[in-house]
Protein backbone atom coordinates (compact mmCIF):
# COMPACT_ATOMS: atom_id res chain seq x y z
CA MET A 1 145.12 198.37 -177.55
CA MET A 2 143.26 198.94 -174.78
CA GLY A 3 141.58 195.65 -174.10
CA SER A 4 145.43 193.89 -174.63
CA GLU A 5 146.50 196.39 -171.82
CA ILE A 6 143.16 195.35 -169.41
CA CYS A 7 143.78 191.44 -170.14
CA SER A 8 147.64 192.03 -169.34
CA ARG A 9 146.88 193.87 -166.14
CA GLU A 10 143.97 191.34 -164.92
CA THR A 11 146.80 188.61 -165.87
CA ARG A 12 149.13 190.22 -163.61
CA ARG A 13 146.98 190.65 -160.70
CA ILE A 14 145.65 187.30 -160.57
CA THR A 15 148.76 185.72 -160.96
CA THR A 16 150.09 187.66 -157.97
CA LYS A 17 146.79 186.62 -155.93
CA ILE A 18 147.52 183.03 -156.38
CA GLU A 19 151.28 183.35 -156.03
CA THR A 20 150.43 185.23 -152.69
CA ARG A 21 147.85 182.52 -151.29
CA ARG A 22 150.32 179.43 -152.18
CA ASP A 23 153.29 181.29 -150.49
CA SER A 24 151.05 181.93 -147.28
CA ALA A 25 149.99 178.09 -147.08
CA SER A 26 153.38 176.74 -147.25
CA PRO A 27 154.68 175.54 -143.67
CA ARG A 28 157.65 173.76 -144.53
CA LEU A 29 159.45 174.31 -141.83
CA ARG A 30 157.13 173.50 -139.42
CA TRP A 31 156.94 170.03 -140.86
CA LEU A 32 160.53 169.86 -140.87
CA TRP A 33 160.27 170.20 -136.99
CA VAL A 34 157.63 167.82 -136.59
CA ILE A 35 159.26 165.05 -138.57
CA GLY A 36 162.59 165.90 -136.82
CA ALA A 37 160.86 165.50 -133.32
CA LEU A 38 159.02 162.28 -134.01
CA THR A 39 162.55 160.57 -135.42
CA ILE A 40 164.42 161.55 -132.38
CA SER A 41 161.50 160.56 -129.99
CA ALA A 42 161.18 157.05 -131.78
CA THR A 43 164.89 156.61 -131.38
CA ILE A 44 165.16 157.45 -127.76
CA ALA A 45 162.34 155.52 -126.88
CA ALA A 46 163.54 152.35 -129.05
CA PHE A 47 166.84 152.67 -127.17
CA LEU A 48 165.12 152.69 -123.93
CA MET A 49 162.96 149.65 -124.31
CA TRP A 50 166.29 147.78 -124.75
CA GLN A 51 167.64 148.68 -121.38
CA LYS A 52 167.14 147.24 -118.17
CA PRO A 53 163.88 147.84 -116.51
CA ASN A 54 163.75 150.31 -113.77
CA PRO A 55 161.61 152.97 -112.52
CA ALA A 56 163.70 155.78 -114.45
CA ASN A 57 163.56 153.79 -117.77
CA TYR A 58 159.75 153.55 -117.13
CA ALA A 59 159.47 157.31 -116.56
CA ALA A 60 161.41 158.23 -119.66
CA SER A 61 159.71 155.75 -122.00
CA THR A 62 156.26 157.03 -120.74
CA VAL A 63 156.98 160.45 -121.26
CA LEU A 64 158.52 159.79 -124.83
CA LEU A 65 155.54 157.86 -126.19
CA ALA A 66 153.16 160.27 -124.63
CA LEU A 67 155.31 163.27 -126.69
CA LEU A 68 154.91 160.76 -129.76
CA GLY A 69 151.43 161.02 -129.13
CA ILE A 70 150.97 164.58 -129.22
CA LEU A 71 153.23 165.15 -132.09
CA ALA A 72 151.45 162.43 -134.20
CA PHE A 73 147.86 164.10 -133.24
CA THR A 74 149.84 167.66 -134.06
CA ALA A 75 150.92 166.50 -137.32
CA ALA A 76 147.29 164.97 -138.35
CA GLY A 77 145.76 168.29 -137.65
CA GLN A 78 148.50 169.95 -139.69
CA ALA A 79 147.75 167.11 -142.20
CA LEU A 80 143.88 168.10 -142.32
CA ILE A 81 144.51 172.04 -142.43
CA LEU A 82 146.79 171.56 -145.41
CA THR A 83 144.27 169.45 -147.17
CA SER A 84 141.56 172.06 -146.54
CA ARG A 85 143.79 175.02 -147.66
CA PHE A 86 144.83 172.84 -150.75
CA ARG A 87 141.50 172.22 -151.51
CA GLN A 88 140.41 176.05 -151.21
CA SER A 89 143.36 176.73 -153.61
CA THR A 90 142.38 174.40 -156.05
CA LEU A 91 138.58 175.73 -156.12
CA TYR A 92 139.75 179.38 -156.58
CA ILE A 93 142.33 178.42 -159.27
CA GLN A 94 139.18 176.90 -160.95
CA GLU A 95 137.28 179.64 -160.56
CA VAL A 96 140.20 182.11 -161.98
CA GLU A 97 140.18 179.65 -164.79
CA GLU A 98 136.59 179.96 -165.15
CA ASN A 99 136.96 183.55 -165.12
CA TYR A 100 139.73 183.60 -168.17
CA GLU A 101 137.48 181.29 -170.05
CA SER A 102 134.65 184.08 -169.95
CA LEU A 103 136.78 187.14 -170.75
CA TRP A 104 138.11 185.40 -173.60
CA GLN A 105 134.56 184.46 -174.66
CA VAL A 106 134.03 188.01 -174.73
CA MET A 107 137.13 189.17 -176.55
CA PHE A 108 136.44 186.34 -179.25
CA SER A 109 132.82 187.29 -179.91
CA ALA A 110 134.03 191.02 -180.19
CA LEU A 111 136.55 190.32 -182.86
CA ASP A 112 134.06 188.41 -184.52
CA LEU A 113 131.37 191.00 -184.50
CA ARG A 114 133.77 193.86 -185.48
CA ASP A 115 135.03 192.06 -188.38
CA GLY A 116 131.60 191.74 -189.83
CA ILE A 117 131.06 187.91 -189.10
CA THR A 118 128.72 186.18 -186.64
CA GLY A 119 128.18 182.49 -185.73
CA GLY A 120 131.59 181.42 -184.07
CA HIS A 121 133.96 181.69 -187.20
CA SER A 122 137.06 181.94 -184.54
CA SER A 123 135.74 178.77 -182.46
CA ARG A 124 134.81 177.04 -185.62
CA VAL A 125 138.49 177.68 -187.32
CA ALA A 126 140.10 176.80 -184.15
CA ASP A 127 138.36 173.39 -183.87
CA LEU A 128 138.85 172.56 -187.51
CA ALA A 129 142.71 173.67 -187.18
CA VAL A 130 143.16 171.21 -184.03
CA GLN A 131 141.82 168.33 -185.93
CA LEU A 132 143.99 168.99 -188.89
CA GLY A 133 146.61 169.07 -186.40
CA GLN A 134 145.91 165.89 -184.91
CA ARG A 135 146.28 163.95 -188.35
CA LEU A 136 149.68 165.93 -188.87
CA ASP A 137 150.90 164.39 -185.56
CA MET A 138 151.44 167.65 -184.05
CA SER A 139 152.58 167.61 -180.25
CA ASP A 140 150.03 168.60 -177.49
CA ASP A 141 152.12 171.99 -176.91
CA GLU A 142 151.61 173.03 -181.00
CA MET A 143 148.11 171.94 -180.62
CA GLU A 144 147.69 174.62 -177.83
CA HIS A 145 149.55 177.03 -179.44
CA LEU A 146 147.35 176.26 -183.01
CA ARG A 147 144.57 176.51 -181.12
CA TRP A 148 145.07 180.17 -179.22
CA ALA A 149 146.46 181.59 -182.60
CA ALA A 150 143.04 180.34 -184.18
CA PHE A 151 141.06 182.75 -181.68
CA LEU A 152 143.43 185.72 -181.79
CA HIS A 153 144.28 185.55 -185.44
CA ASP A 154 142.47 188.81 -186.33
CA VAL A 155 143.23 190.59 -183.15
CA GLY A 156 145.43 192.82 -185.07
CA LYS A 157 142.53 194.34 -186.84
CA LEU A 158 141.80 196.36 -183.66
CA GLY A 159 144.51 198.51 -185.38
CA VAL A 160 142.64 199.07 -188.67
CA ALA A 161 140.67 202.03 -189.28
CA ASP A 162 136.40 201.25 -189.17
CA ASP A 163 135.74 202.84 -192.07
CA ILE A 164 138.59 200.73 -193.74
CA LEU A 165 137.46 197.36 -192.20
CA MET A 166 133.80 197.87 -192.62
CA LYS A 167 134.04 199.32 -196.28
CA PRO A 168 131.30 197.52 -198.50
CA GLY A 169 133.13 198.06 -201.89
CA PRO A 170 136.88 197.24 -203.13
CA LEU A 171 139.63 198.61 -201.08
CA SER A 172 142.10 201.26 -202.58
CA VAL A 173 145.58 200.58 -202.87
CA THR A 174 146.33 202.86 -199.81
CA GLU A 175 143.54 201.11 -197.73
CA TRP A 176 144.76 197.94 -198.74
CA GLU A 177 148.21 198.68 -197.42
CA GLN A 178 146.83 199.44 -194.20
CA MET A 179 144.69 196.23 -193.83
CA ARG A 180 147.73 193.88 -194.84
CA ARG A 181 149.37 195.47 -191.55
CA HIS A 182 146.97 193.86 -189.44
CA PRO A 183 149.20 190.39 -188.87
CA ALA A 184 151.91 192.59 -187.78
CA TYR A 185 149.53 194.69 -185.37
CA GLY A 186 148.51 191.06 -183.95
CA TYR A 187 151.99 190.16 -183.64
CA SER A 188 152.55 193.16 -181.13
CA ILE A 189 149.63 192.83 -179.26
CA VAL A 190 149.81 189.04 -178.60
CA GLY A 191 153.31 189.44 -177.58
CA ARG A 192 156.83 188.36 -178.34
CA ASP A 193 157.41 186.74 -175.23
CA GLY A 194 156.14 184.21 -172.51
CA PHE A 195 153.61 181.74 -173.28
CA LEU A 196 152.07 183.54 -176.17
CA SER A 197 155.25 183.83 -177.97
CA GLN A 198 154.61 180.58 -180.29
CA VAL A 199 151.07 181.90 -180.91
CA ALA A 200 152.34 185.55 -182.05
CA GLU A 201 154.54 183.77 -184.62
CA ILE A 202 151.41 182.26 -186.03
CA VAL A 203 149.28 185.36 -186.23
CA TYR A 204 152.33 187.08 -187.91
CA CYS A 205 152.27 184.53 -190.50
CA HIS A 206 148.73 183.37 -190.97
CA HIS A 207 148.31 185.50 -194.44
CA GLU A 208 151.41 184.10 -195.50
CA ARG A 209 150.97 181.68 -198.68
CA PHE A 210 153.22 178.34 -199.47
CA ASP A 211 154.22 179.72 -202.87
CA GLY A 212 155.71 182.68 -201.20
CA ARG A 213 152.89 185.26 -202.75
CA GLY A 214 151.42 186.13 -199.24
CA TYR A 215 152.02 188.73 -196.78
CA PRO A 216 153.12 190.40 -194.74
CA ARG A 217 156.97 188.97 -195.41
CA GLY A 218 156.52 186.89 -198.26
CA LEU A 219 157.32 183.74 -196.68
CA ALA A 220 157.43 180.51 -198.55
CA GLY A 221 157.27 176.85 -197.89
CA ASP A 222 158.65 175.70 -194.66
CA GLU A 223 159.73 179.03 -193.58
CA ILE A 224 155.93 179.50 -192.68
CA PRO A 225 155.25 177.87 -189.17
CA LEU A 226 153.37 174.83 -189.62
CA GLY A 227 150.64 176.10 -187.17
CA ALA A 228 150.21 179.18 -189.98
CA ARG A 229 149.98 176.65 -192.75
CA VAL A 230 147.20 174.54 -191.02
CA PHE A 231 145.65 177.61 -189.78
CA ALA A 232 145.34 178.82 -193.46
CA VAL A 233 143.71 175.74 -194.90
CA ALA A 234 141.29 175.69 -191.63
CA ASP A 235 140.10 179.80 -191.95
CA ALA A 236 139.82 179.26 -195.93
CA TYR A 237 137.46 176.09 -194.99
CA ASP A 238 135.47 177.88 -192.95
CA ALA A 239 135.30 181.35 -194.60
CA MET A 240 134.00 179.53 -197.87
CA THR A 241 131.26 177.55 -196.21
CA SER A 242 129.87 180.39 -194.44
CA ASP A 243 127.49 182.89 -195.67
CA ARG A 244 129.23 186.38 -195.87
CA PRO A 245 127.40 189.80 -197.57
CA TYR A 246 129.04 189.51 -200.81
CA ARG A 247 128.16 185.84 -201.73
CA PRO A 248 126.36 182.76 -200.21
CA ALA A 249 128.09 179.85 -198.76
CA LEU A 250 129.77 177.07 -200.44
CA SER A 251 129.04 173.43 -199.97
CA HIS A 252 131.40 171.32 -198.25
CA SER A 253 132.46 169.40 -201.26
CA GLN A 254 132.96 172.77 -203.41
CA ALA A 255 134.87 174.12 -200.52
CA ILE A 256 136.92 170.86 -200.18
CA GLU A 257 137.49 170.99 -204.14
CA GLU A 258 138.68 174.72 -203.94
CA ILE A 259 141.23 173.63 -200.98
CA GLN A 260 142.53 170.74 -203.03
CA ARG A 261 142.92 173.03 -206.39
CA ASN A 262 145.45 175.51 -204.47
CA ALA A 263 147.60 172.77 -202.83
CA GLY A 264 150.93 173.69 -203.63
CA SER A 265 150.25 177.20 -204.07
CA GLN A 266 148.17 179.04 -201.54
CA PHE A 267 148.39 175.85 -199.34
CA ASP A 268 150.72 173.42 -197.96
CA PRO A 269 150.23 170.05 -199.67
CA ARG A 270 150.49 168.18 -196.15
CA VAL A 271 147.76 170.41 -194.56
CA VAL A 272 145.87 169.74 -197.82
CA ALA A 273 146.19 166.29 -197.79
CA ALA A 274 145.02 165.85 -193.97
CA ALA A 275 142.12 168.09 -194.95
CA LEU A 276 141.10 165.30 -197.71
CA GLN A 277 141.48 162.91 -195.00
CA TRP A 278 139.38 164.78 -192.21
CA ALA A 279 136.80 165.38 -195.11
CA ARG A 280 136.51 161.58 -195.97
CA GLU A 281 136.29 161.14 -192.45
CA THR A 282 133.12 163.85 -191.86
CA SER A 283 131.43 163.07 -194.70
CA ARG A 284 130.72 159.56 -193.19
CA SER A 285 129.85 160.80 -189.60
CA GLY A 286 127.92 163.90 -190.86
CA ASP A 287 129.82 166.11 -188.22
CA ARG A 288 131.65 169.14 -189.40
CA HIS A 289 131.56 172.11 -187.37
CA TYR A 290 132.21 172.17 -183.42
CA ILE A 291 132.20 175.18 -181.18
CA ALA A 292 134.72 174.80 -178.78
CA LEU A 293 137.02 177.41 -176.88
CA PRO A 294 140.72 177.00 -175.89
CA PRO A 295 141.89 175.88 -172.27
CA PRO A 296 142.40 178.83 -170.10
CA LEU A 297 145.95 180.62 -169.98
CA PRO A 298 148.27 179.06 -167.30
CA VAL A 299 147.83 181.29 -163.86
CA THR A 300 150.37 179.39 -161.87
CA ALA A 301 154.17 178.90 -162.41
CA SER A 302 153.72 175.47 -163.16
């Protein structure tokens, strides 16, 4: 829980800094005065130009034109200052986003290592889940939620005791009950409101089965969020094609056959069809695994 609290505090701190910097560089009132003065001066100058020529009109026009030049020079200076501030703010936001990415990289690696898995399991699952989502015509927002859920799906294991998580043999009934709680723990850690609310739903449901025999709630079919159904196939494929302490890795074709065999029971048949399409395409290209990180979390109001 401490890691989640630290990330939350860091998010609030960075967001506050950016909001403060953005507010300090918004001279809207000054611009309104400049625009108003330019408009009024230009109107008066144009009016005087149509009057009878006399020394008074010449003097007034000269003064107004001089004022227009001063105001134009001032406006140009302010534009340069604002451009410089905008560039500084952009660079600062990019720096913050890079820091976010580094922070999440550390967190994802730590989660994989704590679960006894190395080699970028979360990264591969996230990438494959997104590829399947593309073949199911998921929206950009759904894809972003899916990617983050793939990275955060096992964060709830932080609430499971090490002696259960690292036990080399089979779990007892009591230990298995503890292990089955990790989706609910993950749902609490990721959060139920804000940007990650949809991600939390996928995390909560990532061990549900299409036939309703999964956990923790025993959801079935379309009751399970589409992102969770997509994730289940991606996670199963990567688990089967990776070496584990208790068995060697299966081949690509063996894993695909196993996924196809469980269509309609463990997996959504639509997602299995997308996986078969992906398998055919990657068999031709030879590319199957990609290491990818999700885009940084939003750090501004927009």
